[in-house]
Amino acid sequence: MASSKLAIIALTLLALSSPAGAETVLPLELNRLEPVTGATEGCRIWMVLANDAPEATAIASLRLDLVVFGAEGQIARRAAVELAPVGAGRTAVRLFDLAGLACDRIGRLLVNEVLSCRIGGTEVGHCADLIRPSSRAGIRFGL
C-alpha cells in the first residue's frame, strides 16, 4: 500500500516537472531607440519578443500598457502596444513611434500592465509573471 502511494506521488511529481507542465517564458527585449525626423519627429522604439523555446506555443495576443519616463524621472507618455502574433519557435521584432518625444529625453520604459495575453488560444491571466524584460538600448526597461 505504501509503495503504491509512493509511486503515485512520484508520477505526479514527474508530470509536474515535465515540459508539458512548464510555464511559457516570454523574453522581451528593448533593443533600440531611434530618432525619427521629418513631419512627425519623435522616437522609434524597437522591441524583440522571443518565442523560440522548445516547448513554445503560438502567442496570439500580447498587448501591453507601457509608461515612458523622462530623463528626469517624470512620466512623459503612455502607450498601448500589441506585440503579437508570434508563432511557436519564432522571434518577432516590433516597432512603434512616440511622436513628439526625442529619444534622448527617455530615461526608462515600464511595462505597467498586460492588457491582453493569449497563448495557444487561451487567455493567460498571469502573463506579467512570464515576461522577462531586458534592454540593449541604454535605458532601464522592466516591470
Protein backbone atom coordinates (compact mmCIF):
# COMPACT_ATOMS: atom_id res chain seq x y z
CA MET A 1 0.00 0.00 0.00
CA ALA A 2 2.78 2.43 0.94
CA SER A 3 4.69 1.60 -2.23
CA SER A 4 1.63 2.36 -4.38
CA LYS A 5 1.24 5.75 -2.65
CA LEU A 6 4.93 6.48 -3.31
CA ALA A 7 4.50 5.51 -6.95
CA ILE A 8 1.52 7.87 -7.32
CA ILE A 9 3.48 10.71 -5.70
CA ALA A 10 6.48 10.04 -7.96
CA LEU A 11 4.30 10.03 -11.09
CA THR A 12 2.62 13.28 -10.01
CA LEU A 13 5.97 14.99 -9.44
CA LEU A 14 7.24 13.74 -12.79
CA ALA A 15 4.16 15.11 -14.58
CA LEU A 16 4.52 18.49 -12.88
CA SER A 17 8.20 18.78 -13.85
CA SER A 18 7.72 17.79 -17.49
CA PRO A 19 7.89 20.36 -20.33
CA ALA A 20 4.14 19.97 -20.90
CA GLY A 21 3.56 21.37 -17.40
CA ALA A 22 6.21 24.07 -17.76
CA GLU A 23 5.21 27.72 -17.99
CA THR A 24 5.99 29.68 -21.11
CA VAL A 25 8.66 32.32 -20.58
CA LEU A 26 8.41 35.48 -22.70
CA PRO A 27 11.82 37.15 -23.19
CA LEU A 28 11.05 40.75 -24.16
CA GLU A 29 13.96 42.98 -25.14
CA LEU A 30 14.00 46.73 -25.58
CA ASN A 31 16.53 46.60 -28.39
CA ARG A 32 16.89 50.10 -29.78
CA LEU A 33 15.74 53.71 -29.63
CA GLU A 34 15.94 55.51 -32.97
CA PRO A 35 15.30 59.21 -33.61
CA VAL A 36 12.54 59.86 -36.14
CA THR A 37 12.83 63.02 -38.21
CA GLY A 38 10.51 64.67 -40.67
CA ALA A 39 6.88 65.68 -40.25
CA THR A 40 6.41 63.52 -37.14
CA GLU A 41 9.61 63.87 -35.13
CA GLY A 42 9.96 61.60 -32.15
CA CYS A 43 11.46 58.30 -31.12
CA ARG A 44 11.06 54.86 -32.69
CA ILE A 45 11.09 52.02 -30.15
CA TRP A 46 12.36 48.61 -31.34
CA MET A 47 11.25 45.56 -29.30
CA VAL A 48 12.22 41.90 -29.73
CA LEU A 49 9.88 39.16 -28.48
CA ALA A 50 11.42 35.68 -28.47
CA ASN A 51 9.04 32.74 -28.60
CA ASP A 52 11.61 30.16 -29.61
CA ALA A 53 11.84 27.87 -26.58
CA PRO A 54 11.47 24.15 -27.45
CA GLU A 55 8.04 24.00 -25.73
CA ALA A 56 6.83 27.33 -27.19
CA THR A 57 3.21 27.80 -28.20
CA ALA A 58 1.99 30.48 -30.61
CA ILE A 59 1.26 33.84 -29.00
CA ALA A 60 -1.99 35.21 -30.41
CA SER A 61 -2.01 38.44 -28.38
CA LEU A 62 0.39 40.31 -26.14
CA ARG A 63 -0.92 43.83 -25.64
CA LEU A 64 0.98 45.95 -23.14
CA ASP A 65 0.34 49.24 -21.38
CA LEU A 66 3.75 50.96 -21.46
CA VAL A 67 4.71 54.03 -19.46
CA VAL A 68 7.61 56.15 -20.68
CA PHE A 69 9.57 58.09 -18.06
CA GLY A 70 11.61 61.14 -18.99
CA ALA A 71 15.31 61.50 -18.24
CA GLU A 72 14.41 63.35 -15.02
CA GLY A 73 12.10 60.54 -13.85
CA GLN A 74 8.77 62.18 -14.67
CA ILE A 75 6.08 60.33 -16.63
CA ALA A 76 6.32 61.54 -20.21
CA ARG A 77 3.95 59.28 -22.14
CA ARG A 78 1.74 56.23 -22.01
CA ALA A 79 1.17 53.87 -24.92
CA ALA A 80 -0.70 50.64 -25.55
CA VAL A 81 1.18 48.37 -27.96
CA GLU A 82 0.41 44.98 -29.48
CA LEU A 83 3.49 42.76 -29.88
CA ALA A 84 1.81 39.61 -31.24
CA PRO A 85 1.06 37.45 -33.11
CA VAL A 86 4.28 35.46 -32.82
CA GLY A 87 4.33 31.85 -33.98
CA ALA A 88 5.79 28.98 -31.99
CA GLY A 89 9.53 28.73 -32.47
CA ARG A 90 9.74 32.29 -33.81
CA THR A 91 11.21 35.62 -32.79
CA ALA A 92 9.48 38.84 -33.79
CA VAL A 93 10.67 42.44 -33.99
CA ARG A 94 8.00 45.05 -33.37
CA LEU A 95 8.43 48.79 -33.50
CA PHE A 96 6.33 51.80 -32.68
CA ASP A 97 6.84 55.54 -32.76
CA LEU A 98 6.41 58.03 -29.96
CA ALA A 99 5.71 61.28 -31.81
CA GLY A 100 6.94 64.48 -30.19
CA LEU A 101 9.27 62.76 -27.72
CA ALA A 102 13.00 62.76 -28.50
CA CYS A 103 14.88 59.55 -27.71
CA ASP A 104 17.44 61.36 -25.56
CA ARG A 105 14.59 62.54 -23.30
CA ILE A 106 13.60 58.94 -22.44
CA GLY A 107 15.07 57.58 -19.23
CA ARG A 108 13.02 54.45 -18.57
CA LEU A 109 10.32 52.25 -20.11
CA LEU A 110 7.93 50.37 -17.82
CA VAL A 111 5.52 47.55 -18.61
CA ASN A 112 2.74 48.98 -16.46
CA GLU A 113 0.13 46.34 -17.21
CA VAL A 114 -0.60 43.44 -19.53
CA LEU A 115 -3.84 44.38 -21.28
CA SER A 116 -4.23 41.14 -23.22
CA CYS A 117 -2.29 37.88 -23.28
CA ARG A 118 -3.48 34.92 -25.31
CA ILE A 119 -1.09 31.99 -25.70
CA GLY A 120 -2.09 28.85 -27.57
CA GLY A 121 -5.70 30.04 -27.80
CA THR A 122 -6.01 30.51 -24.02
CA GLU A 123 -6.26 33.83 -22.19
CA VAL A 124 -3.42 33.93 -19.64
CA GLY A 125 -4.20 35.99 -16.56
CA HIS A 126 -0.72 35.94 -15.01
CA CYS A 127 1.16 36.94 -18.16
CA ALA A 128 3.18 39.67 -16.41
CA ASP A 129 4.84 36.91 -14.37
CA LEU A 130 6.03 35.28 -17.60
CA ILE A 131 7.68 38.35 -19.15
CA ARG A 132 11.47 38.53 -18.82
CA PRO A 133 12.41 42.11 -19.76
CA SER A 134 15.91 43.18 -20.83
CA SER A 135 17.40 46.23 -22.52
CA ARG A 136 20.16 46.90 -25.05
CA ALA A 137 19.01 50.49 -25.55
CA GLY A 138 20.93 52.10 -22.70
CA ILE A 139 17.84 52.81 -20.59
CA ARG A 140 16.01 50.83 -17.90
CA PHE A 141 13.23 48.55 -19.06
CA GLY A 142 11.18 46.35 -16.77
CA LEU A 143 8.00 45.54 -14.92
